[in-house]
Protein backbone atom coordinates (compact mmCIF):
# COMPACT_ATOMS: atom_id res chain seq x y z
CA MET A 1 0.00 0.00 0.00
CA LYS A 2 2.88 2.38 0.77
CA ALA A 3 4.32 1.71 -2.68
CA LEU A 4 0.97 2.53 -4.23
CA ALA A 5 0.76 5.75 -2.25
CA ARG A 6 4.25 6.83 -3.28
CA SER A 7 3.50 6.09 -6.94
CA GLY A 8 0.46 8.37 -6.90
CA ALA A 9 -1.76 5.47 -7.88
CA VAL A 10 -4.14 5.71 -4.92
CA PRO A 11 -5.72 9.09 -5.82
CA THR A 12 -6.00 7.95 -9.43
CA LEU A 13 -7.72 4.70 -8.48
CA ILE A 14 -10.07 6.52 -6.10
CA GLY A 15 -10.97 9.00 -8.83
CA PHE A 16 -11.45 6.14 -11.28
CA SER A 17 -13.79 4.34 -8.85
CA VAL A 18 -15.96 7.44 -8.54
CA LEU A 19 -16.09 7.98 -12.30
CA TRP A 20 -16.80 4.35 -13.15
CA LEU A 21 -19.53 4.02 -10.53
CA LEU A 22 -21.18 7.13 -11.94
CA LEU A 23 -20.92 5.84 -15.50
CA ASP A 24 -22.20 2.38 -14.61
CA CYS A 25 -25.00 3.56 -12.32
CA ALA A 26 -26.16 6.29 -14.69
CA ALA A 27 -26.29 3.80 -17.57
CA GLY A 28 -28.20 1.34 -15.37
CA VAL A 29 -30.72 3.87 -14.07
CA LEU A 30 -31.33 5.29 -17.55
CA GLY A 31 -31.47 1.85 -19.17
CA SER A 32 -28.65 2.79 -21.54
CA VAL A 33 -27.48 -0.70 -22.47
CA ARG A 34 -27.02 0.18 -26.15
CA GLY A 35 -26.46 3.89 -25.80
CA GLU A 36 -30.14 4.79 -25.52
CA SER A 37 -29.21 7.64 -23.14
CA GLY A 38 -25.56 7.76 -24.07
CA LEU A 39 -25.40 11.53 -24.51
CA ILE A 40 -26.69 12.11 -20.97
CA VAL A 41 -24.32 9.52 -19.48
CA CYS A 42 -21.42 11.07 -21.37
CA ALA A 43 -22.22 14.57 -20.13
CA LEU A 44 -22.43 13.38 -16.52
CA VAL A 45 -19.11 11.53 -16.74
CA ILE A 46 -17.32 14.48 -18.34
CA LEU A 47 -18.56 16.87 -15.65
CA ALA A 48 -17.48 14.43 -12.93
CA ALA A 49 -14.08 13.88 -14.56
CA ILE A 50 -13.46 17.63 -14.73
CA THR A 51 -14.37 17.90 -11.05
CA CYS A 52 -12.04 15.01 -10.09
CA GLU A 53 -9.19 16.51 -12.08
CA ARG A 54 -9.66 19.90 -10.46
CA VAL A 55 -9.72 18.39 -6.97
CA LEU A 56 -6.72 16.11 -7.49
CA SER A 57 -4.53 18.39 -9.61
CA ARG A 58 -5.93 21.86 -8.86
CA ARG A 59 -6.29 22.64 -12.54
CA SER A 60 -8.64 25.22 -14.01
CA VAL A 61 -11.72 24.02 -15.87
CA GLY A 62 -10.07 24.69 -19.22
CA GLU A 63 -6.89 22.88 -18.23
CA ALA A 64 -8.90 19.91 -16.91
CA ILE A 65 -10.88 19.65 -20.16
CA ALA A 66 -7.63 19.65 -22.16
CA VAL A 67 -5.71 17.08 -20.10
CA LEU A 68 -8.73 14.75 -20.04
CA GLY A 69 -8.37 14.51 -23.81
CA LEU A 70 -11.29 16.66 -24.92
CA ARG A 71 -9.21 18.48 -27.49
CA GLY A 72 -8.21 18.13 -31.12
CA THR A 73 -6.26 15.12 -32.28
CA SER A 74 -3.77 14.47 -35.04
CA PRO A 75 -5.61 14.03 -38.39
CA GLY A 76 -3.24 11.20 -39.27
CA VAL A 77 -4.01 9.29 -36.06
CA LEU A 78 -7.72 9.86 -36.53
CA LEU A 79 -7.39 8.48 -40.05
CA TRP A 80 -5.67 5.36 -38.72
CA ALA A 81 -8.48 4.85 -36.21
CA LEU A 82 -11.06 5.28 -38.99
CA SER A 83 -9.23 2.92 -41.34
CA LEU A 84 -8.87 0.28 -38.65
CA SER A 85 -12.54 0.62 -37.69
CA THR A 86 -13.59 0.22 -41.34
CA ALA A 87 -11.42 -2.86 -41.73
CA LEU A 88 -12.93 -4.41 -38.60
CA LEU A 89 -16.49 -3.77 -39.80
CA ALA A 90 -15.74 -5.73 -42.97
CA TYR A 91 -15.96 -8.79 -40.72
CA PHE A 92 -19.77 -8.74 -40.73
CA PRO A 93 -20.40 -9.17 -44.48
CA ILE A 94 -17.58 -11.72 -44.62
CA PHE A 95 -19.17 -13.68 -41.74
CA ALA A 96 -22.56 -13.60 -43.48
CA ALA A 97 -21.10 -14.75 -46.79
CA THR A 98 -19.10 -17.63 -45.30
CA THR A 99 -21.71 -18.94 -42.85
CA GLY A 100 -24.93 -18.14 -44.67
CA ALA A 101 -26.17 -16.23 -41.63
CA LYS A 102 -28.76 -13.54 -42.22
CA LEU A 103 -27.53 -10.51 -40.36
CA GLY A 104 -29.68 -7.51 -39.55
CA ILE A 105 -29.40 -4.17 -37.80
CA LEU A 106 -31.46 -3.11 -34.79
CA PRO A 107 -34.19 -0.51 -35.41
CA GLY A 108 -32.94 3.00 -34.71
CA ALA A 109 -29.35 1.86 -35.17
CA MET A 110 -28.10 5.30 -36.24
CA GLN A 111 -29.39 7.00 -33.09
CA LEU A 112 -28.09 4.16 -30.93
CA ALA A 113 -24.69 4.37 -32.62
CA VAL A 114 -24.43 8.04 -31.61
CA GLY A 115 -25.29 7.07 -28.03
CA ILE A 116 -22.77 4.23 -27.99
CA PHE A 117 -20.06 6.54 -29.34
CA ALA A 118 -20.84 9.07 -26.60
CA GLN A 119 -21.14 6.53 -23.76
CA GLY A 120 -18.86 3.65 -24.75
CA GLY A 121 -16.50 5.77 -26.79
CA ILE A 122 -16.00 9.27 -25.40
CA ALA A 123 -17.13 8.74 -21.79
CA GLU A 124 -15.18 5.51 -21.28
CA GLU A 125 -12.09 6.91 -23.01
CA VAL A 126 -12.21 10.02 -20.81
CA VAL A 127 -12.20 7.70 -17.79
CA PHE A 128 -9.68 5.09 -18.95
CA ARG A 129 -7.30 7.06 -21.17
CA GLY A 130 -7.90 10.73 -20.37
CA PHE A 131 -7.95 10.19 -16.61
CA VAL A 132 -6.36 6.86 -15.63
CA PHE A 133 -3.76 6.21 -18.36
CA ARG A 134 -2.72 9.85 -18.64
CA ARG A 135 -2.15 10.20 -14.89
CA PHE A 136 -0.11 6.98 -14.75
CA ARG A 137 1.82 8.01 -17.87
CA GLU A 138 3.09 11.22 -16.22
CA ALA A 139 5.78 9.30 -14.34
CA ARG A 140 6.00 6.01 -16.27
CA THR A 141 6.95 4.55 -19.64
CA PHE A 142 4.16 3.84 -22.09
CA ARG A 143 4.21 0.11 -21.33
CA ARG A 144 4.07 0.50 -17.56
CA ALA A 145 1.34 3.13 -17.76
CA ALA A 146 -0.69 0.96 -20.12
CA LEU A 147 -0.29 -2.03 -17.81
CA TRP A 148 -1.36 -0.02 -14.76
CA SER A 149 -4.38 1.42 -16.57
CA ALA A 150 -5.38 -2.05 -17.80
CA VAL A 151 -5.97 -3.18 -14.21
CA PRO A 152 -9.15 -1.14 -13.55
CA PHE A 153 -10.24 -1.70 -17.17
CA VAL A 154 -10.12 -5.46 -16.57
CA ALA A 155 -11.66 -5.18 -13.10
CA VAL A 156 -14.86 -3.60 -14.37
CA HIS A 157 -15.09 -6.13 -17.19
CA LEU A 158 -15.05 -8.95 -14.63
CA LEU A 159 -18.65 -7.92 -13.93
CA LEU A 160 -19.56 -9.42 -17.30
CA LEU A 161 -19.22 -12.84 -15.66
CA LEU A 162 -22.38 -12.06 -13.69
CA HIS A 163 -24.74 -11.74 -16.64
CA LEU A 164 -23.10 -13.14 -19.78
CA ASP A 165 -22.31 -16.64 -20.99
CA SER A 166 -19.00 -17.60 -19.37
CA VAL A 167 -17.19 -18.13 -22.69
CA ILE A 168 -18.34 -14.74 -24.04
CA ALA A 169 -17.52 -13.06 -20.72
CA LEU A 170 -14.00 -14.51 -20.52
CA THR A 171 -13.19 -13.68 -24.12
CA SER A 172 -14.52 -10.16 -23.50
CA LEU A 173 -12.11 -9.96 -20.57
CA VAL A 174 -9.23 -10.91 -22.86
CA LEU A 175 -10.44 -8.25 -25.28
CA ALA A 176 -10.41 -5.65 -22.49
CA VAL A 177 -6.76 -6.43 -21.67
CA SER A 178 -5.67 -6.48 -25.28
CA MET A 179 -7.50 -3.31 -26.34
CA SER A 180 -5.95 -1.27 -23.52
CA PHE A 181 -2.66 -0.99 -25.39
CA PRO A 182 -3.85 0.04 -28.89
CA LEU A 183 -6.31 2.52 -27.35
CA ALA A 184 -3.50 4.02 -25.25
CA TRP A 185 -1.36 4.17 -28.42
CA LEU A 186 -4.07 6.18 -30.22
CA PHE A 187 -4.45 8.48 -27.21
CA GLU A 188 -0.74 9.20 -26.93
CA ARG A 189 0.05 9.44 -30.62
CA GLY A 190 -2.97 11.72 -31.03
CA GLY A 191 -1.46 14.26 -28.65
CA GLY A 192 -3.43 13.23 -25.59
CA SER A 193 -6.84 13.36 -27.29
CA VAL A 194 -9.60 10.81 -26.65
CA PHE A 195 -11.30 11.16 -30.02
CA ALA A 196 -9.27 8.61 -32.02
CA PRO A 197 -9.48 5.88 -29.33
CA ALA A 198 -13.14 6.78 -28.75
CA LEU A 199 -13.86 6.14 -32.43
CA LEU A 200 -12.27 2.69 -32.34
CA HIS A 201 -13.74 1.86 -28.92
CA GLY A 202 -17.21 2.94 -30.06
CA VAL A 203 -17.02 0.80 -33.20
CA VAL A 204 -15.89 -2.25 -31.20
CA GLN A 205 -18.96 -1.88 -28.95
CA ALA A 206 -21.48 -0.82 -31.59
CA GLY A 207 -20.49 -3.47 -34.11
CA ILE A 208 -21.81 -6.35 -32.04
CA LYS A 209 -24.47 -4.50 -30.02
CA LEU A 210 -26.35 -3.25 -33.07
CA THR A 211 -26.15 -6.43 -35.17
CA VAL A 212 -28.88 -9.07 -35.13
CA ALA A 213 -27.70 -12.58 -36.02
CA GLY A 214 -30.32 -14.94 -34.56
CA ASP A 215 -28.89 -18.38 -33.79
CA HIS A 216 -25.50 -17.29 -35.13
CA HIS A 217 -25.05 -14.52 -32.58
CA ALA A 218 -22.72 -16.41 -30.21
CA HIS A 219 -20.36 -17.41 -33.03
CA LEU A 220 -20.55 -13.92 -34.50
CA ALA A 221 -19.67 -12.40 -31.13
CA LEU A 222 -16.73 -14.73 -30.50
CA GLY A 223 -15.27 -14.00 -33.93
CA TRP A 224 -15.74 -10.26 -33.42
CA ILE A 225 -14.04 -10.36 -30.02
CA ALA A 226 -11.10 -12.35 -31.42
CA LEU A 227 -10.70 -9.93 -34.30
CA CYS A 228 -10.90 -6.82 -32.12
CA ALA A 229 -8.41 -8.28 -29.65
CA THR A 230 -5.75 -8.86 -32.31
CA VAL A 231 -6.07 -6.56 -35.33
CA PRO A 232 -5.62 -3.22 -33.46
CA TRP A 233 -2.12 -4.33 -32.46
CA LEU A 234 -1.11 -3.62 -36.06
CA LEU A 235 -0.92 0.02 -34.96
CA PHE A 236 2.40 -0.76 -33.27
CA LEU A 237 3.88 -1.68 -36.64
CA LEU A 238 3.33 1.81 -38.02
CA PRO A 239 6.41 3.94 -38.67
CA THR A 240 7.05 6.75 -36.26
CA SER A 241 7.98 10.33 -36.93
CA LYS A 242 8.72 11.13 -33.28
CA PRO A 243 11.99 10.65 -31.38
CA ALA A 244 12.17 7.14 -29.95
CA SER A 245 12.11 8.40 -26.37
CA GLU A 246 8.80 10.17 -26.97
CA ASP A 247 6.99 7.65 -29.09
CA ALA A 248 4.41 5.22 -27.79
CA SER A 249 5.60 2.27 -29.82
CA ALA A 250 9.23 2.91 -28.91
CA ALA A 251 8.39 3.29 -25.20
CA PHE A 252 6.51 0.02 -25.36
């Protein structure tokens, strides 16, 4: 515990607990399983994150908004997130063609997608990358900060074991661990902005939540989880234009 206190991890984990409980409880109370009230949940989380940052770091509102990642990102990094998201989404027509499954989209999918992007993309990335990863990264290498920030990310995903099929829940847990690193890469290479990782994170959630596959849904979900857990790691193969000491892939 003393080591945790000296590392500055305790305030960060306390702040994370507050933010995650708010996100989870707000989504539960509002029934926002698929982003139905995602915009409201997102607004509440952002306000709480700004408050936590001000209390813990004594920053102004403007400074808190910036360090939490609610600022512009590198167009190139955003393009990589978009390209990767597009490539991942190609999985669904390929799955349908190879299995003969008839896939559909939930009614109101466009509105739900906006909610998922706000709740599962921006709000979660503000918590996990803008708050947790960024605070750990201040005194650590990219790898160590990503590992530290993966711990609470995995902890909250353990709750999936309570209401999902055990195989789906465990593979989702593996996905949570694996995705922590590419999402942190997008955050750091994007200049500390949450928008590129939020795009990828939102697509990973929306892709399976908004698709109807009938009896094929379990197999569709397992394939999607496996793909999302592996393909984003290709980001670490991209060339870097930054000095090795400053670059996410080099620090890893």
